Amino acid sequence: MSNLQQPAWIATRGGPLRGQWHVPGDKSVSHRAVMLGAIAEGTTRIRGFLEGEDTRATARVFEQLGVRIEAPNASERIVHGVGLHGLRAPSGELDCGNAGTGMRLLAGVLAGQAFDSVLIGDASLSRRPMRRVTEPLAAMGARIDTDDGGMPPLRIHGGRRLHGIDYALPVASAQVKSALLLAGLYADGETVVREPHPTRDYSERMLAAFGWPIAFAPGQARLSGGHVLRACDVEVPADFSSAAFFLVAASVVPGSELLLRAVGLNPRRTGLLQALRLMGADITEQNPGSHGGEPVADLLVRHAPLHGVDVPVTLVPDMIDEFPALFVAAACASGRTRVSGAAELRVKESDRIATMATGLRALGADIEERPDGAVIEGGRLHGGDVNSHGDHRIAMSFAIAAQLADGEVRIGDVANVATSFPGFDALATGMGMGLAAA
C-alpha cells in the first residue's frame, strides 16, 4: 500500500442510502453574510451558518478588523456591524486559511479601506492565482502587491481612492465579480461587471437584501458607491455543493432513496442537477420555498441507471465546484461522458482534472485527461489507493466512488474536508455509506 499522507479514510461498499437529512449551510452564502453584516449598520443574525474552517476563517478576519461576532449556538452568528468605514487596522496578517472565496472577496473590501492589510492563506491557497482579481481592482485604483506569479500573500495598500469601472470578465467567476462589486461600494461612480457566462448571483441578491441599490441580470451587475448597508437577518440554505455528493451516491447505489431537506437551488449553482438528469437520474423537487432571497427545495433522489452524455458547455459555470462528483457519476454510468470548457478546474484547491483522472485510473476507470476536461468511459471500479492532495471535494468524491468499487479504497490527505463539510463522514455513514478513519 502506498505511503499516503494522513489523515486518511478507508471507504468500502455500504448499503443503499436512505432517510431524510439536512446537509450543512451554504458556504458561499455564509461567507457573504458575515462580510456584509460586518460592514452594515446594525446587527445581523445569521442562522444556518456553515461551521466549516473556511467560513470560520472569514469570521476571524473580521474580528481582527474590529467587528464583534457572537456565536450563541452552533450554526448561528450575531454580527455587530461597524458600517462601511468602521473597520479598524489589524495588528497582524489576516489568515484566510484555505478559503479562496474569503481571500478574493476580502481583497475587494480591503481595497477601499484607509489602512494597509495583508491577506495570507495555507499552502494550497498560496498556490492559487490572484491576478484575475488584483488586476481589475488595480484598474479601480487599488494597489495590491503579490508574490511572483500573482500568488498570495496579498499586500493591500490603504488610503487609495477607488473609482468605478466597466469591466468584462475574461473568465466567468463569481468570486472576481463579487470582489469588484464589494470594492464598488467604496468607489466613486458606477461599477459594472459583465460576464462571458452568467455565474451565481449570491452577492447581488445579498447586497439587495442589505438595502444597497443594485441592478443585476444573468451575466451583468451594476452598482454605485455612496449608499449604506443596513443589517438584516439571513437564513442560510443547505449547501447544494454538499448535497451534490449524496445526489450522485444515491443515484448510483442500487436501492437508494434519499430526501435532502431545504437545499439551496440558486439557478447559477445547480448545473450538476441538470447534468445528472441528462444522464438519467431520478431527482425531484418538493416543498419549494425561499431562504433569505435564495430559492430552496427538498430534493428526493432515487437510484436510477445513468448513461454517459456530452456535458453541455453552457452548464459548466453553474457546476464548477461539482465536477469531481460528476466525474464519479460518469465513471459509474454506462457509456461515454465528455467534459469540455472546464479549464478552471485546474486552478482550484488542486488541479481537479489531473487529480480526479489519476485517482479514477487507480480504481480501474478508463479516463482520458484533456486540457479543459476529460473523456470518461463508464465501467466497473476496483479498490486501490488515491490521494486527494488536500482537496476537500476530491476526498468526498472518492468516498462516493468507493460505494461501487470491488474492494477497499484508501483516500489520503482528507483533513481539508472540514473546510467545507464538517461531519461529512458521520452523515455519510448515517445514510448507509461505508466510510471510516484509516
Protein backbone atom coordinates (compact mmCIF):
# COMPACT_ATOMS: atom_id res chain seq x y z
CA MET A 1 0.00 0.00 0.00
CA SER A 2 1.35 3.42 -0.91
CA ASN A 3 2.54 5.82 1.75
CA LEU A 4 -0.30 8.34 1.72
CA GLN A 5 -0.33 11.42 3.87
CA GLN A 6 -2.51 11.18 6.97
CA PRO A 7 -5.27 11.58 7.98
CA ALA A 8 -6.98 9.18 5.63
CA TRP A 9 -10.25 7.34 5.12
CA ILE A 10 -11.00 3.73 4.33
CA ALA A 11 -14.08 3.63 2.11
CA THR A 12 -15.92 0.43 1.22
CA ARG A 13 -19.25 -0.59 -0.24
CA GLY A 14 -22.06 0.21 2.15
CA GLY A 15 -25.76 -0.25 1.66
CA PRO A 16 -28.43 1.80 -0.07
CA LEU A 17 -28.63 5.44 1.01
CA ARG A 18 -31.83 6.03 2.95
CA GLY A 19 -33.61 8.56 5.12
CA GLN A 20 -34.27 12.28 5.39
CA TRP A 21 -31.27 14.50 6.05
CA HIS A 22 -30.06 18.09 6.31
CA VAL A 23 -26.66 18.93 4.86
CA PRO A 24 -24.71 21.92 6.27
CA GLY A 25 -25.39 25.53 5.33
CA ASP A 26 -24.20 27.06 2.07
CA LYS A 27 -20.56 28.12 2.24
CA SER A 28 -20.87 30.93 -0.30
CA VAL A 29 -23.86 32.47 1.48
CA SER A 30 -22.18 32.10 4.88
CA HIS A 31 -19.06 33.97 3.71
CA ARG A 32 -21.08 36.81 2.26
CA ALA A 33 -23.45 37.11 5.22
CA VAL A 34 -20.54 37.65 7.62
CA MET A 35 -18.88 40.15 5.28
CA LEU A 36 -21.93 42.28 4.59
CA GLY A 37 -23.08 42.04 8.19
CA ALA A 38 -19.68 43.33 9.32
CA ILE A 39 -19.80 46.47 7.17
CA ALA A 40 -23.53 47.12 7.60
CA GLU A 41 -25.20 49.49 10.04
CA GLY A 42 -26.83 47.48 12.83
CA THR A 43 -26.86 43.86 13.97
CA THR A 44 -27.16 40.91 11.60
CA ARG A 45 -28.30 37.49 12.84
CA ILE A 46 -27.23 34.56 10.68
CA ARG A 47 -28.95 31.17 11.04
CA GLY A 48 -27.69 28.07 9.27
CA PHE A 49 -24.10 29.39 9.20
CA LEU A 50 -21.67 26.76 7.94
CA GLU A 51 -19.38 25.68 10.78
CA GLY A 52 -16.51 24.99 8.38
CA GLU A 53 -12.90 26.08 8.58
CA ASP A 54 -13.26 28.40 5.56
CA THR A 55 -16.19 30.37 6.91
CA ARG A 56 -14.77 30.50 10.42
CA ALA A 57 -11.58 31.92 8.95
CA THR A 58 -13.58 34.74 7.34
CA ALA A 59 -15.29 35.48 10.65
CA ARG A 60 -11.93 35.55 12.45
CA VAL A 61 -10.57 38.03 9.89
CA PHE A 62 -13.42 40.44 10.59
CA GLU A 63 -12.90 40.05 14.32
CA GLN A 64 -9.28 41.11 13.73
CA LEU A 65 -10.70 44.11 11.87
CA GLY A 66 -12.66 45.18 14.96
CA VAL A 67 -16.05 43.53 14.37
CA ARG A 68 -17.75 41.81 17.31
CA ILE A 69 -19.18 38.45 16.24
CA GLU A 70 -21.07 36.23 18.69
CA ALA A 71 -21.80 32.51 18.31
CA PRO A 72 -24.70 31.85 20.71
CA ASN A 73 -25.37 28.43 19.20
CA ALA A 74 -23.87 26.11 16.62
CA SER A 75 -24.61 27.33 13.08
CA GLU A 76 -25.61 30.76 14.36
CA ARG A 77 -23.74 34.07 14.32
CA ILE A 78 -24.65 37.55 15.53
CA VAL A 79 -22.59 40.17 13.69
CA HIS A 80 -22.44 43.66 15.17
CA GLY A 81 -21.85 45.78 12.09
CA VAL A 82 -19.47 48.73 12.18
CA GLY A 83 -20.61 50.36 8.97
CA LEU A 84 -18.83 50.80 5.68
CA HIS A 85 -15.97 52.82 7.15
CA GLY A 86 -15.82 51.36 10.67
CA LEU A 87 -13.25 48.57 10.18
CA ARG A 88 -10.03 49.01 12.16
CA ALA A 89 -6.45 48.36 11.08
CA PRO A 90 -5.40 44.82 12.06
CA SER A 91 -2.40 44.21 14.29
CA GLY A 92 -1.09 41.39 12.09
CA GLU A 93 -1.63 39.37 8.94
CA LEU A 94 -5.15 38.19 8.12
CA ASP A 95 -5.23 34.42 7.64
CA CYS A 96 -7.85 33.16 5.17
CA GLY A 97 -6.84 29.52 5.66
CA ASN A 98 -7.96 27.51 2.64
CA ALA A 99 -10.72 29.93 1.64
CA GLY A 100 -10.29 31.23 -1.91
CA THR A 101 -13.71 32.87 -1.70
CA GLY A 102 -12.72 34.58 1.53
CA MET A 103 -9.45 35.92 0.15
CA ARG A 104 -10.81 37.20 -3.16
CA LEU A 105 -13.86 38.89 -1.64
CA LEU A 106 -11.83 40.36 1.22
CA ALA A 107 -9.48 41.89 -1.35
CA GLY A 108 -12.44 43.87 -2.66
CA VAL A 109 -13.50 45.07 0.79
CA LEU A 110 -9.98 45.90 1.98
CA ALA A 111 -9.02 47.74 -1.21
CA GLY A 112 -11.35 50.51 -0.08
CA GLN A 113 -10.02 50.92 3.46
CA ALA A 114 -7.82 53.67 4.87
CA PHE A 115 -5.32 51.20 6.36
CA ASP A 116 -2.85 48.65 4.99
CA SER A 117 -3.56 44.93 5.32
CA VAL A 118 -2.03 41.60 4.33
CA LEU A 119 -4.06 38.52 3.37
CA ILE A 120 -2.35 35.14 3.73
CA GLY A 121 -3.53 31.55 3.33
CA ASP A 122 -2.48 27.95 3.79
CA ALA A 123 -0.14 26.11 1.42
CA SER A 124 -2.96 25.27 -1.01
CA LEU A 125 -4.41 28.79 -1.14
CA SER A 126 -0.91 30.23 -1.52
CA ARG A 127 -0.64 28.42 -4.87
CA ARG A 128 -3.90 29.82 -6.27
CA PRO A 129 -3.76 32.64 -8.84
CA MET A 130 -4.94 36.06 -7.69
CA ARG A 131 -4.16 38.27 -10.69
CA ARG A 132 -7.66 37.77 -12.01
CA VAL A 133 -8.88 39.81 -9.03
CA THR A 134 -5.90 42.10 -8.32
CA GLU A 135 -5.65 43.40 -11.90
CA PRO A 136 -9.24 44.72 -12.19
CA LEU A 137 -9.02 46.08 -8.65
CA ALA A 138 -5.88 47.94 -9.74
CA ALA A 139 -7.90 49.38 -12.63
CA MET A 140 -10.26 50.77 -9.97
CA GLY A 141 -7.33 52.50 -8.25
CA ALA A 142 -6.32 49.85 -5.72
CA ARG A 143 -2.72 48.90 -5.07
CA ILE A 144 -2.21 45.24 -4.21
CA ASP A 145 1.20 43.57 -4.24
CA THR A 146 1.55 39.79 -4.67
CA ASP A 147 4.30 37.22 -4.73
CA ASP A 148 5.77 36.01 -8.03
CA GLY A 149 3.14 34.75 -10.45
CA GLY A 150 0.37 36.75 -8.80
CA MET A 151 0.17 34.38 -5.84
CA PRO A 152 -0.68 35.23 -2.21
CA PRO A 153 0.08 36.87 0.15
CA LEU A 154 -1.90 39.92 -0.96
CA ARG A 155 -0.40 43.13 0.41
CA ILE A 156 -3.16 45.71 0.16
CA HIS A 157 -2.26 49.39 0.45
CA GLY A 158 -4.87 51.54 2.16
CA GLY A 159 -5.84 55.12 1.55
CA ARG A 160 -6.40 54.67 -2.18
CA ARG A 161 -9.29 56.46 -3.85
CA LEU A 162 -11.29 53.96 -5.86
CA HIS A 163 -13.36 54.73 -8.93
CA GLY A 164 -15.94 52.63 -10.69
CA ILE A 165 -15.10 50.79 -13.90
CA ASP A 166 -16.99 48.91 -16.60
CA TYR A 167 -15.22 45.54 -16.64
CA ALA A 168 -15.74 42.49 -18.83
CA LEU A 169 -14.50 39.36 -17.07
CA PRO A 170 -12.24 37.31 -19.37
CA VAL A 171 -13.27 34.15 -17.49
CA ALA A 172 -16.60 33.75 -15.71
CA SER A 173 -16.01 33.90 -11.95
CA ALA A 174 -18.50 34.73 -9.20
CA GLN A 175 -15.59 35.38 -6.83
CA VAL A 176 -13.96 38.01 -9.05
CA LYS A 177 -17.34 39.60 -9.84
CA SER A 178 -18.12 39.78 -6.12
CA ALA A 179 -14.74 41.31 -5.26
CA LEU A 180 -15.28 44.10 -7.79
CA LEU A 181 -18.83 44.78 -6.57
CA LEU A 182 -17.60 44.96 -2.96
CA ALA A 183 -14.85 47.37 -3.99
CA GLY A 184 -17.55 49.30 -5.85
CA LEU A 185 -19.25 50.05 -2.53
CA TYR A 186 -16.25 52.27 -1.76
CA ALA A 187 -15.75 53.68 -5.25
CA ASP A 188 -16.73 56.95 -6.87
CA GLY A 189 -19.20 56.45 -9.70
CA GLU A 190 -20.66 53.27 -11.13
CA THR A 191 -19.09 49.81 -11.16
CA VAL A 192 -20.31 47.46 -13.90
CA VAL A 193 -19.24 43.81 -14.18
CA ARG A 194 -20.02 41.84 -17.35
CA GLU A 195 -19.56 38.07 -17.62
CA PRO A 196 -18.96 35.81 -20.62
CA HIS A 197 -21.36 33.33 -18.96
CA PRO A 198 -23.69 34.02 -16.03
CA THR A 199 -22.35 32.94 -12.63
CA ARG A 200 -24.01 32.58 -9.25
CA ASP A 201 -25.56 35.81 -8.03
CA TYR A 202 -25.30 35.36 -4.26
CA SER A 203 -23.53 38.69 -3.78
CA GLU A 204 -26.06 40.61 -5.86
CA ARG A 205 -29.04 39.09 -4.04
CA MET A 206 -27.50 39.70 -0.63
CA LEU A 207 -26.45 43.28 -1.40
CA ALA A 208 -30.06 43.96 -2.35
CA ALA A 209 -31.27 42.30 0.87
CA PHE A 210 -28.96 44.61 2.85
CA GLY A 211 -30.53 47.59 1.12
CA TRP A 212 -27.84 48.58 -1.39
CA PRO A 213 -29.25 49.74 -4.75
CA ILE A 214 -28.02 47.24 -7.33
CA ALA A 215 -29.23 46.23 -10.78
CA PHE A 216 -28.43 42.72 -11.97
CA ALA A 217 -29.46 40.16 -14.53
CA PRO A 218 -27.78 36.96 -15.77
CA GLY A 219 -24.32 37.99 -16.98
CA GLN A 220 -24.25 41.56 -15.68
CA ALA A 221 -24.36 43.57 -12.44
CA ARG A 222 -24.02 47.29 -11.72
CA LEU A 223 -23.98 49.47 -8.63
CA SER A 224 -22.75 52.88 -7.49
CA GLY A 225 -20.92 53.93 -4.35
CA GLY A 226 -22.25 56.32 -1.74
CA HIS A 227 -25.02 54.26 -0.13
CA VAL A 228 -25.44 52.39 3.17
CA LEU A 229 -25.76 48.70 4.01
CA ARG A 230 -28.44 48.04 6.63
CA ALA A 231 -28.34 44.91 8.77
CA CYS A 232 -30.86 42.14 8.20
CA ASP A 233 -31.40 38.57 9.30
CA VAL A 234 -30.01 35.88 6.99
CA GLU A 235 -31.32 32.31 6.78
CA VAL A 236 -28.62 30.24 5.06
CA PRO A 237 -29.95 27.44 2.83
CA ALA A 238 -28.38 23.98 2.77
CA ASP A 239 -25.33 23.93 0.51
CA PHE A 240 -26.02 22.46 -2.94
CA SER A 241 -22.33 21.58 -3.33
CA SER A 242 -22.54 19.47 -0.17
CA ALA A 243 -25.79 17.87 -1.29
CA ALA A 244 -24.16 17.04 -4.64
CA PHE A 245 -22.13 14.15 -3.24
CA PHE A 246 -25.25 12.43 -1.95
CA LEU A 247 -27.23 13.18 -5.10
CA VAL A 248 -24.59 11.22 -7.01
CA ALA A 249 -24.25 8.48 -4.40
CA ALA A 250 -27.99 7.82 -4.18
CA SER A 251 -28.23 7.88 -7.98
CA VAL A 252 -25.58 5.19 -8.48
CA VAL A 253 -26.08 2.89 -5.44
CA PRO A 254 -28.89 0.38 -6.09
CA GLY A 255 -31.87 0.54 -3.75
CA SER A 256 -31.21 4.12 -2.59
CA GLU A 257 -33.99 6.58 -1.80
CA LEU A 258 -32.86 9.77 -0.08
CA LEU A 259 -34.52 13.06 0.85
CA LEU A 260 -32.29 16.11 1.34
CA ARG A 261 -34.06 18.98 3.10
CA ALA A 262 -34.16 22.68 2.14
CA VAL A 263 -31.29 22.61 -0.36
CA GLY A 264 -30.34 25.93 -1.97
CA LEU A 265 -31.27 25.92 -5.67
CA ASN A 266 -29.79 29.16 -6.94
CA PRO A 267 -30.14 28.74 -10.72
CA ARG A 268 -26.48 29.69 -11.20
CA ARG A 269 -25.41 26.86 -8.89
CA THR A 270 -27.36 23.81 -10.00
CA GLY A 271 -25.71 22.77 -13.24
CA LEU A 272 -24.95 19.34 -11.76
CA LEU A 273 -28.65 18.75 -11.15
CA GLN A 274 -29.34 19.36 -14.84
CA ALA A 275 -26.35 17.23 -15.91
CA LEU A 276 -27.44 14.29 -13.72
CA ARG A 277 -30.95 14.48 -15.13
CA LEU A 278 -29.50 14.38 -18.65
CA MET A 279 -27.70 11.19 -17.54
CA GLY A 280 -30.99 9.65 -16.42
CA ALA A 281 -31.00 10.50 -12.70
CA ASP A 282 -34.33 10.36 -10.82
CA ILE A 283 -34.28 13.58 -8.76
CA THR A 284 -37.45 15.50 -7.94
CA GLU A 285 -38.01 18.79 -6.12
CA GLN A 286 -40.53 19.10 -3.32
CA ASN A 287 -41.72 21.87 -0.96
CA PRO A 288 -40.21 24.82 -2.85
CA GLY A 289 -39.63 27.98 -0.85
CA SER A 290 -37.13 30.74 -0.15
CA HIS A 291 -34.42 31.34 2.47
CA GLY A 292 -33.05 34.87 2.57
CA GLY A 293 -33.98 35.50 -1.04
CA GLU A 294 -32.46 32.20 -2.22
CA PRO A 295 -34.73 29.52 -3.73
CA VAL A 296 -34.76 26.24 -1.79
CA ALA A 297 -36.50 22.87 -2.09
CA ASP A 298 -36.32 19.35 -0.71
CA LEU A 299 -34.59 17.02 -3.16
CA LEU A 300 -35.81 13.42 -3.42
CA VAL A 301 -33.31 11.20 -5.22
CA ARG A 302 -33.79 7.53 -6.09
CA HIS A 303 -31.37 5.11 -7.68
CA ALA A 304 -31.55 5.11 -11.47
CA PRO A 305 -29.25 3.69 -14.18
CA LEU A 306 -27.08 6.52 -15.50
CA HIS A 307 -25.72 6.80 -19.04
CA GLY A 308 -22.90 8.89 -20.45
CA VAL A 309 -23.53 12.30 -22.04
CA ASP A 310 -21.67 15.19 -23.58
CA VAL A 311 -21.96 17.71 -20.75
CA PRO A 312 -23.27 20.96 -22.29
CA VAL A 313 -20.65 23.70 -22.09
CA THR A 314 -23.40 26.09 -21.04
CA LEU A 315 -23.72 24.16 -17.74
CA VAL A 316 -20.02 24.40 -16.85
CA PRO A 317 -20.05 27.74 -14.96
CA ASP A 318 -23.06 26.56 -12.95
CA MET A 319 -21.36 23.37 -11.72
CA ILE A 320 -17.67 24.23 -11.50
CA ASP A 321 -17.42 23.06 -7.86
CA GLU A 322 -19.35 19.86 -8.52
CA PHE A 323 -17.21 18.38 -11.30
CA PRO A 324 -15.36 15.92 -9.03
CA ALA A 325 -18.73 14.38 -8.12
CA LEU A 326 -19.79 14.45 -11.79
CA PHE A 327 -16.60 12.57 -12.76
CA VAL A 328 -17.60 9.82 -10.32
CA ALA A 329 -21.12 9.66 -11.74
CA ALA A 330 -19.60 9.34 -15.23
CA ALA A 331 -17.25 6.55 -14.12
CA CYS A 332 -20.25 4.62 -12.74
CA ALA A 333 -22.51 5.25 -15.76
CA SER A 334 -22.86 3.19 -18.91
CA GLY A 335 -21.19 4.64 -21.98
CA ARG A 336 -19.01 7.69 -22.53
CA THR A 337 -19.16 11.11 -20.87
CA ARG A 338 -17.30 14.08 -22.32
CA VAL A 339 -16.46 17.23 -20.36
CA SER A 340 -15.03 20.31 -22.08
CA GLY A 341 -14.78 24.02 -21.36
CA ALA A 342 -13.76 23.40 -17.76
CA ALA A 343 -10.12 24.57 -17.69
CA GLU A 344 -10.99 26.50 -14.49
CA LEU A 345 -10.79 23.13 -12.70
CA ARG A 346 -7.01 23.22 -13.00
CA VAL A 347 -6.69 26.21 -10.65
CA LYS A 348 -8.98 25.13 -7.81
CA GLU A 349 -7.75 23.71 -4.46
CA SER A 350 -5.94 21.17 -6.62
CA ASP A 351 -5.72 20.58 -10.36
CA ARG A 352 -9.06 18.79 -10.23
CA ILE A 353 -8.85 17.37 -13.74
CA ALA A 354 -5.46 15.76 -13.10
CA THR A 355 -6.25 14.67 -9.55
CA MET A 356 -9.57 13.05 -10.47
CA ALA A 357 -8.07 11.41 -13.57
CA THR A 358 -5.17 9.94 -11.59
CA GLY A 359 -7.41 8.70 -8.78
CA LEU A 360 -10.06 7.19 -11.02
CA ARG A 361 -7.40 5.38 -13.06
CA ALA A 362 -6.06 3.93 -9.79
CA LEU A 363 -9.55 2.47 -9.27
CA GLY A 364 -9.67 0.99 -12.77
CA ALA A 365 -11.60 3.69 -14.62
CA ASP A 366 -10.92 4.48 -18.28
CA ILE A 367 -10.42 8.25 -18.38
CA GLU A 368 -8.64 10.44 -20.89
CA GLU A 369 -7.46 13.75 -19.47
CA ARG A 370 -7.80 16.80 -21.72
CA PRO A 371 -6.63 20.41 -21.19
CA ASP A 372 -10.14 21.65 -20.42
CA GLY A 373 -11.88 18.47 -19.34
CA ALA A 374 -11.91 14.71 -19.79
CA VAL A 375 -13.45 11.76 -21.61
CA ILE A 376 -14.69 9.11 -19.17
CA GLU A 377 -15.82 5.60 -20.12
CA GLY A 378 -18.17 4.11 -17.55
CA GLY A 379 -17.33 0.70 -16.12
CA ARG A 380 -16.52 -1.29 -13.00
CA LEU A 381 -14.26 0.13 -10.32
CA HIS A 382 -11.93 -1.81 -8.04
CA GLY A 383 -10.22 -0.96 -4.79
CA GLY A 384 -7.00 0.99 -4.51
CA ASP A 385 -5.16 3.97 -3.07
CA VAL A 386 -5.98 7.56 -4.06
CA ASN A 387 -4.65 10.86 -2.79
CA SER A 388 -6.93 13.88 -2.58
CA HIS A 389 -3.95 16.29 -2.43
CA GLY A 390 -5.67 18.22 0.34
CA ASP A 391 -8.73 18.98 -1.82
CA HIS A 392 -11.93 18.52 0.18
CA ARG A 393 -14.18 17.92 -2.84
CA ILE A 394 -11.79 15.31 -4.27
CA ALA A 395 -11.75 13.39 -0.98
CA MET A 396 -15.54 13.30 -0.69
CA SER A 397 -15.94 12.31 -4.34
CA PHE A 398 -13.72 9.26 -3.94
CA ALA A 399 -15.73 8.26 -0.86
CA ILE A 400 -18.73 8.14 -3.22
CA ALA A 401 -16.80 6.17 -5.86
CA ALA A 402 -15.90 3.56 -3.25
CA GLN A 403 -19.58 2.71 -2.78
CA LEU A 404 -19.47 0.89 -6.13
CA ALA A 405 -15.86 -0.35 -6.00
CA ASP A 406 -14.97 -4.05 -5.78
CA GLY A 407 -12.59 -3.61 -2.88
CA GLU A 408 -11.37 -1.19 -0.27
CA VAL A 409 -10.50 2.38 -1.29
CA ARG A 410 -7.97 4.22 0.84
CA ILE A 411 -8.29 8.02 0.46
CA GLY A 412 -5.31 10.04 1.64
CA ASP A 413 -4.96 13.64 2.84
CA VAL A 414 -8.57 14.27 3.88
CA ALA A 415 -8.10 16.86 6.64
CA ASN A 416 -9.38 19.73 4.48
CA VAL A 417 -12.86 18.21 4.27
CA ALA A 418 -13.50 20.28 7.41
CA THR A 419 -13.12 23.46 5.32
CA SER A 420 -16.49 22.97 3.63
CA PHE A 421 -18.26 19.96 5.12
CA PRO A 422 -17.54 19.27 8.79
CA GLY A 423 -19.12 15.97 9.81
CA PHE A 424 -19.26 14.57 6.28
CA ASP A 425 -18.10 11.13 7.41
CA ALA A 426 -20.71 10.86 10.17
CA LEU A 427 -23.50 11.99 7.86
CA ALA A 428 -22.37 9.62 5.09
CA THR A 429 -22.28 6.58 7.37
CA GLY A 430 -25.66 7.53 8.83
CA MET A 431 -27.12 7.43 5.33
CA GLY A 432 -25.66 3.96 4.75
CA MET A 433 -22.25 4.51 3.15
CA GLY A 434 -19.15 2.55 4.13
CA LEU A 435 -16.58 5.05 5.44
CA ALA A 436 -14.18 5.06 8.39
CA ALA A 437 -10.99 6.74 9.53
CA ALA A 438 -7.86 4.85 8.48
